[in-house]
Amino acid sequence: MLIVAERINASRKTIRAALEAMDAAAIRREAVDQDAAGADYIDVNGGTFPGREPELLAWLVDTVQAVTDKPLCLDSPDPAALAAALPKVKTRPPMINSINLERERFDRVLALALEHRAKLIALCQGEGTPATTVDGKVALAAELVERLTRAGVALDDIYVDPLVFPLGTDSQSAQVTIDAIGEIMRRYPGVHTICGLTNVSHGLPARKLVNRTFLVAAMGRGMDAAIVDPTDAQLVSAMHAAKAVFGRDEYCMGLIEAFQAGRVAA
């Protein structure tokens, strides 16, 4: 299960404040904590500052790389910001979050991914509103996979995000997304599926409980990556236990090692 650590995101008040102050120490603490918690990739997002995102995303890359050699996931819808930050990435391969089927964005982000040999988070979203049905999500995933592989992107470098929406506004979104994940993984052996986990619980009480319940259910249908907070011990514990239960952790060695390292809360 690939963990993309989500905490260095300008939508969080503490990160926004750190970006406003160019507080490198605060950003580095977040990077170190997420690295120590077992992140495979560290997501960096410098959005919410109109006109400054290229500068801030590049600064985040330099700042985080000063304290960790974990690969980075560059999180921006702006190809200009990605183009400014990607040449600074040291640990390869980087990941780009994200590409979708909007024509201009698709072409520009694809060109950057091919140039820098980056992995891609591919959102099930076209020119219109995102799909809300299983068939709709799978159809968009199929178009993404077909177009990306035709352009030369390996299946192993594609992480399809079917886009789960808040259960408070769409009570079927989690189940629809889980079913779509199962079908995408069945149709395209070798491709990956991923989601931004916290979307599912937005606006609800007991958010962490909802998040980890959805995570385990999605893993049961084959999801093999997630954008999460790796410092959430209960979430990470559920992830390790689910890998063992679903037969994705040979002899439970991953669970045992994570427990011994203090990453699993019994």
Protein backbone atom coordinates (compact mmCIF):
# COMPACT_ATOMS: atom_id res chain seq x y z
CA MET A 1 0.00 0.00 0.00
CA LEU A 2 1.63 3.20 -1.19
CA ILE A 3 1.23 6.12 1.23
CA VAL A 4 1.27 9.66 -0.18
CA ALA A 5 1.60 11.96 2.83
CA GLU A 6 -0.86 14.84 2.63
CA ARG A 7 0.03 17.28 5.40
CA ILE A 8 2.14 19.85 3.47
CA ASN A 9 -0.87 21.43 1.81
CA ALA A 10 -1.59 25.15 1.59
CA SER A 11 -5.26 24.54 2.37
CA ARG A 12 -4.22 23.77 5.97
CA LYS A 13 -4.04 26.88 8.14
CA THR A 14 -0.66 26.01 9.64
CA ILE A 15 0.91 25.36 6.24
CA ARG A 16 -0.60 28.50 4.75
CA ALA A 17 0.89 30.51 7.62
CA ALA A 18 4.27 28.84 7.10
CA LEU A 19 4.16 29.68 3.40
CA GLU A 20 3.20 33.29 4.08
CA ALA A 21 6.18 33.60 6.42
CA MET A 22 8.46 31.40 4.30
CA ASP A 23 9.01 29.44 7.52
CA ALA A 24 11.28 26.64 6.33
CA ALA A 25 11.62 25.13 9.81
CA ALA A 26 7.87 24.51 10.08
CA ILE A 27 7.74 22.84 6.66
CA ARG A 28 10.77 20.71 7.46
CA ARG A 29 9.21 19.50 10.71
CA GLU A 30 6.17 18.32 8.79
CA ALA A 31 8.37 16.55 6.25
CA VAL A 32 10.46 14.82 8.92
CA ASP A 33 7.39 13.71 10.88
CA GLN A 34 5.72 12.24 7.80
CA ASP A 35 8.92 10.53 6.67
CA ALA A 36 9.34 8.96 10.13
CA ALA A 37 5.71 7.83 10.10
CA GLY A 38 6.32 5.74 6.99
CA ALA A 39 5.33 7.92 4.04
CA ASP A 40 6.36 6.57 0.64
CA TYR A 41 5.81 9.91 -1.12
CA ILE A 42 5.51 13.36 0.43
CA ASP A 43 2.91 15.57 -1.21
CA VAL A 44 3.75 19.28 -1.54
CA ASN A 45 1.05 21.81 -2.35
CA GLY A 46 1.65 25.55 -2.57
CA GLY A 47 -1.73 26.64 -3.92
CA THR A 48 -4.16 29.32 -2.61
CA PHE A 49 -1.66 32.14 -3.34
CA PRO A 50 -2.72 33.63 -6.71
CA GLY A 51 0.25 34.30 -8.96
CA ARG A 52 2.81 32.82 -6.54
CA GLU A 53 2.21 29.10 -6.89
CA PRO A 54 5.19 28.39 -9.20
CA GLU A 55 7.53 30.19 -6.79
CA LEU A 56 6.08 28.53 -3.67
CA LEU A 57 5.92 25.01 -5.10
CA ALA A 58 9.58 25.25 -6.15
CA TRP A 59 10.47 26.57 -2.67
CA LEU A 60 8.60 23.69 -1.04
CA VAL A 61 10.53 21.17 -3.13
CA ASP A 62 13.86 22.65 -2.04
CA THR A 63 12.76 22.95 1.58
CA VAL A 64 11.47 19.41 1.93
CA GLN A 65 14.40 17.85 0.09
CA ALA A 66 16.75 19.44 2.61
CA VAL A 67 15.55 16.98 5.27
CA THR A 68 14.31 13.87 3.46
CA ASP A 69 15.19 11.81 0.42
CA LYS A 70 11.67 10.43 0.07
CA PRO A 71 10.27 11.06 -3.40
CA LEU A 72 7.85 13.94 -3.78
CA CYS A 73 4.34 14.22 -5.13
CA LEU A 74 3.92 17.66 -6.72
CA ASP A 75 0.33 18.71 -6.10
CA SER A 76 -0.96 21.42 -8.39
CA PRO A 77 -3.54 21.90 -11.14
CA ASP A 78 -1.27 24.57 -12.67
CA PRO A 79 1.15 23.27 -15.32
CA ALA A 80 3.27 26.40 -14.85
CA ALA A 81 3.82 25.55 -11.18
CA LEU A 82 4.70 21.97 -12.06
CA ALA A 83 7.13 23.15 -14.74
CA ALA A 84 8.88 25.40 -12.20
CA ALA A 85 9.18 22.69 -9.54
CA LEU A 86 9.87 19.46 -11.43
CA PRO A 87 13.47 20.33 -12.49
CA LYS A 88 14.33 20.77 -8.79
CA VAL A 89 13.26 17.26 -7.82
CA LYS A 90 16.24 15.09 -6.86
CA THR A 91 14.74 11.72 -5.88
CA ARG A 92 13.21 9.93 -8.84
CA PRO A 93 10.62 9.20 -9.94
CA PRO A 94 8.48 12.13 -8.85
CA MET A 95 4.70 11.93 -8.86
CA ILE A 96 2.34 14.54 -10.29
CA ASN A 97 -1.01 15.18 -8.64
CA SER A 98 -2.82 15.42 -10.99
CA ILE A 99 -3.97 15.02 -14.57
CA ASN A 100 -7.54 14.81 -15.86
CA LEU A 101 -9.34 14.83 -19.20
CA GLU A 102 -9.69 18.60 -19.52
CA ARG A 103 -8.01 19.10 -22.89
CA GLU A 104 -5.47 21.85 -22.13
CA ARG A 105 -4.51 20.47 -18.73
CA PHE A 106 -4.17 16.93 -20.06
CA ASP A 107 -1.80 17.90 -22.86
CA ARG A 108 0.42 20.16 -20.76
CA VAL A 109 0.68 17.87 -17.72
CA LEU A 110 1.27 14.82 -19.92
CA ALA A 111 4.19 16.56 -21.63
CA LEU A 112 5.75 17.34 -18.24
CA ALA A 113 5.22 13.80 -16.99
CA LEU A 114 6.90 12.31 -20.04
CA GLU A 115 9.81 14.78 -19.85
CA HIS A 116 10.46 14.06 -16.17
CA ARG A 117 9.39 10.39 -16.20
CA ALA A 118 6.87 11.09 -13.46
CA LYS A 119 4.14 8.92 -12.08
CA LEU A 120 0.66 10.38 -12.55
CA ILE A 121 -2.42 10.60 -10.39
CA ALA A 122 -5.21 10.53 -12.97
CA LEU A 123 -8.53 12.01 -11.83
CA CYS A 124 -11.78 10.63 -13.24
CA GLN A 125 -12.92 14.03 -14.42
CA GLY A 126 -13.58 15.36 -17.90
CA GLU A 127 -14.54 18.75 -19.26
CA GLY A 128 -17.82 18.65 -17.33
CA THR A 129 -18.71 17.63 -13.79
CA PRO A 130 -17.05 14.55 -12.30
CA ALA A 131 -18.86 11.24 -12.69
CA THR A 132 -21.08 10.10 -9.82
CA THR A 133 -21.93 6.57 -11.02
CA VAL A 134 -19.84 3.42 -11.26
CA ASP A 135 -20.22 3.29 -15.04
CA GLY A 136 -19.33 6.95 -15.37
CA LYS A 137 -16.20 6.66 -13.25
CA VAL A 138 -15.06 3.51 -15.03
CA ALA A 139 -15.63 5.09 -18.45
CA LEU A 140 -13.47 8.08 -17.54
CA ALA A 141 -10.82 5.78 -16.09
CA ALA A 142 -10.82 3.77 -19.30
CA GLU A 143 -10.28 6.89 -21.40
CA LEU A 144 -7.48 8.09 -19.11
CA VAL A 145 -5.68 4.74 -19.17
CA GLU A 146 -6.05 4.40 -22.93
CA ARG A 147 -4.81 7.90 -23.71
CA LEU A 148 -1.93 7.80 -21.24
CA THR A 149 -0.63 4.39 -22.28
CA ARG A 150 -0.94 5.33 -25.96
CA ALA A 151 1.27 8.33 -25.22
CA GLY A 152 3.90 6.11 -23.61
CA VAL A 153 3.04 6.17 -19.90
CA ALA A 154 3.46 2.73 -18.32
CA LEU A 155 0.48 1.22 -16.49
CA ASP A 156 2.64 0.99 -13.38
CA ASP A 157 3.02 4.78 -13.43
CA ILE A 158 -0.74 5.48 -13.51
CA TYR A 159 -2.70 5.98 -10.28
CA VAL A 160 -6.39 6.34 -11.10
CA ASP A 161 -8.42 8.40 -8.61
CA PRO A 162 -12.16 7.73 -9.08
CA LEU A 163 -12.93 10.77 -6.87
CA VAL A 164 -14.96 10.08 -3.77
CA PHE A 165 -17.28 12.89 -2.65
CA PRO A 166 -18.47 13.81 0.86
CA LEU A 167 -21.01 11.38 2.22
CA GLY A 168 -22.83 14.33 3.77
CA THR A 169 -23.87 15.48 0.30
CA ASP A 170 -23.90 12.15 -1.57
CA SER A 171 -24.66 9.16 0.64
CA GLN A 172 -23.81 6.66 -2.13
CA SER A 173 -20.46 8.17 -3.14
CA ALA A 174 -18.29 5.87 -1.04
CA GLN A 175 -19.96 2.68 -2.27
CA VAL A 176 -19.94 3.89 -5.88
CA THR A 177 -16.23 4.73 -5.62
CA ILE A 178 -15.42 1.36 -4.02
CA ASP A 179 -17.28 -0.48 -6.78
CA ALA A 180 -15.49 1.60 -9.43
CA ILE A 181 -12.13 0.77 -7.86
CA GLY A 182 -12.91 -2.94 -8.08
CA GLU A 183 -13.87 -2.71 -11.74
CA ILE A 184 -10.87 -0.55 -12.70
CA MET A 185 -8.47 -2.96 -11.02
CA ARG A 186 -10.19 -5.93 -12.72
CA ARG A 187 -10.03 -4.38 -16.20
CA TYR A 188 -6.48 -3.06 -16.07
CA PRO A 189 -4.05 -5.41 -14.33
CA GLY A 190 -0.96 -3.40 -13.46
CA VAL A 191 -2.67 -0.05 -13.03
CA HIS A 192 -3.04 1.47 -9.55
CA THR A 193 -5.95 3.14 -7.80
CA ILE A 194 -5.70 5.92 -5.23
CA CYS A 195 -7.92 8.42 -3.48
CA GLY A 196 -7.73 11.55 -1.37
CA LEU A 197 -9.18 9.85 1.66
CA THR A 198 -10.42 12.80 3.71
CA ASN A 199 -12.94 13.92 1.07
CA VAL A 200 -15.32 11.14 2.10
CA SER A 201 -15.83 12.50 5.63
CA HIS A 202 -15.93 16.24 4.93
CA GLY A 203 -18.47 17.94 7.18
CA LEU A 204 -19.18 14.86 9.28
CA PRO A 205 -18.50 14.04 12.92
CA ALA A 206 -16.05 11.23 13.74
CA ARG A 207 -14.15 11.98 10.54
CA LYS A 208 -11.18 9.75 11.31
CA LEU A 209 -13.47 6.77 11.92
CA VAL A 210 -15.23 7.33 8.58
CA ASN A 211 -11.89 7.76 6.80
CA ARG A 212 -10.37 4.52 8.02
CA THR A 213 -13.58 2.56 7.46
CA PHE A 214 -13.67 3.73 3.85
CA LEU A 215 -9.97 2.99 3.45
CA VAL A 216 -10.34 -0.64 4.57
CA ALA A 217 -13.39 -1.17 2.34
CA ALA A 218 -11.58 0.31 -0.69
CA MET A 219 -8.52 -1.82 -0.02
CA GLY A 220 -10.82 -4.84 -0.05
CA ARG A 221 -11.63 -4.05 -3.68
CA GLY A 222 -7.98 -3.62 -4.63
CA MET A 223 -7.07 0.01 -3.97
CA ASP A 224 -3.30 0.03 -3.47
CA ALA A 225 -2.46 3.69 -2.72
CA ALA A 226 -3.93 6.53 -0.71
CA ILE A 227 -3.31 10.20 0.02
CA VAL A 228 -3.44 10.25 3.81
CA ASP A 229 -1.97 11.60 7.01
CA PRO A 230 0.67 8.99 7.90
CA THR A 231 0.94 10.38 11.44
CA ASP A 232 -2.65 9.19 12.14
CA ALA A 233 -1.74 6.04 14.07
CA GLN A 234 -5.21 4.50 14.00
CA LEU A 235 -5.52 4.98 10.25
CA VAL A 236 -2.10 3.48 9.57
CA SER A 237 -2.88 0.60 11.95
CA ALA A 238 -6.07 -0.17 10.04
CA MET A 239 -4.13 -0.05 6.77
CA HIS A 240 -1.53 -2.57 7.95
CA ALA A 241 -4.18 -4.87 9.40
CA ALA A 242 -6.22 -4.73 6.19
CA LYS A 243 -3.18 -5.63 4.09
CA ALA A 244 -2.70 -8.72 6.23
CA VAL A 245 -6.40 -9.68 6.19
CA PHE A 246 -6.67 -9.27 2.40
CA GLY A 247 -3.60 -11.42 1.75
CA ARG A 248 -1.39 -8.56 0.59
CA ASP A 249 1.23 -8.92 3.33
CA GLU A 250 3.14 -12.21 3.04
CA TYR A 251 3.34 -13.93 6.42
CA CYS A 252 2.18 -10.60 7.91
CA MET A 253 5.76 -9.38 7.89
CA GLY A 254 4.77 -5.80 7.08
CA LEU A 255 2.35 -5.75 10.02
CA ILE A 256 4.97 -7.22 12.34
CA GLU A 257 7.67 -4.77 11.24
CA ALA A 258 5.31 -1.80 11.54
CA PHE A 259 4.28 -2.94 15.04
CA GLN A 260 7.89 -3.31 16.11
CA ALA A 261 8.63 0.17 14.76
CA GLY A 262 5.77 1.62 16.79
CA ARG A 263 3.60 2.46 13.77
CA VAL A 264 0.72 0.16 14.73
CA ALA A 265 -1.56 0.96 17.65
CA ALA A 266 -3.05 -2.30 18.94
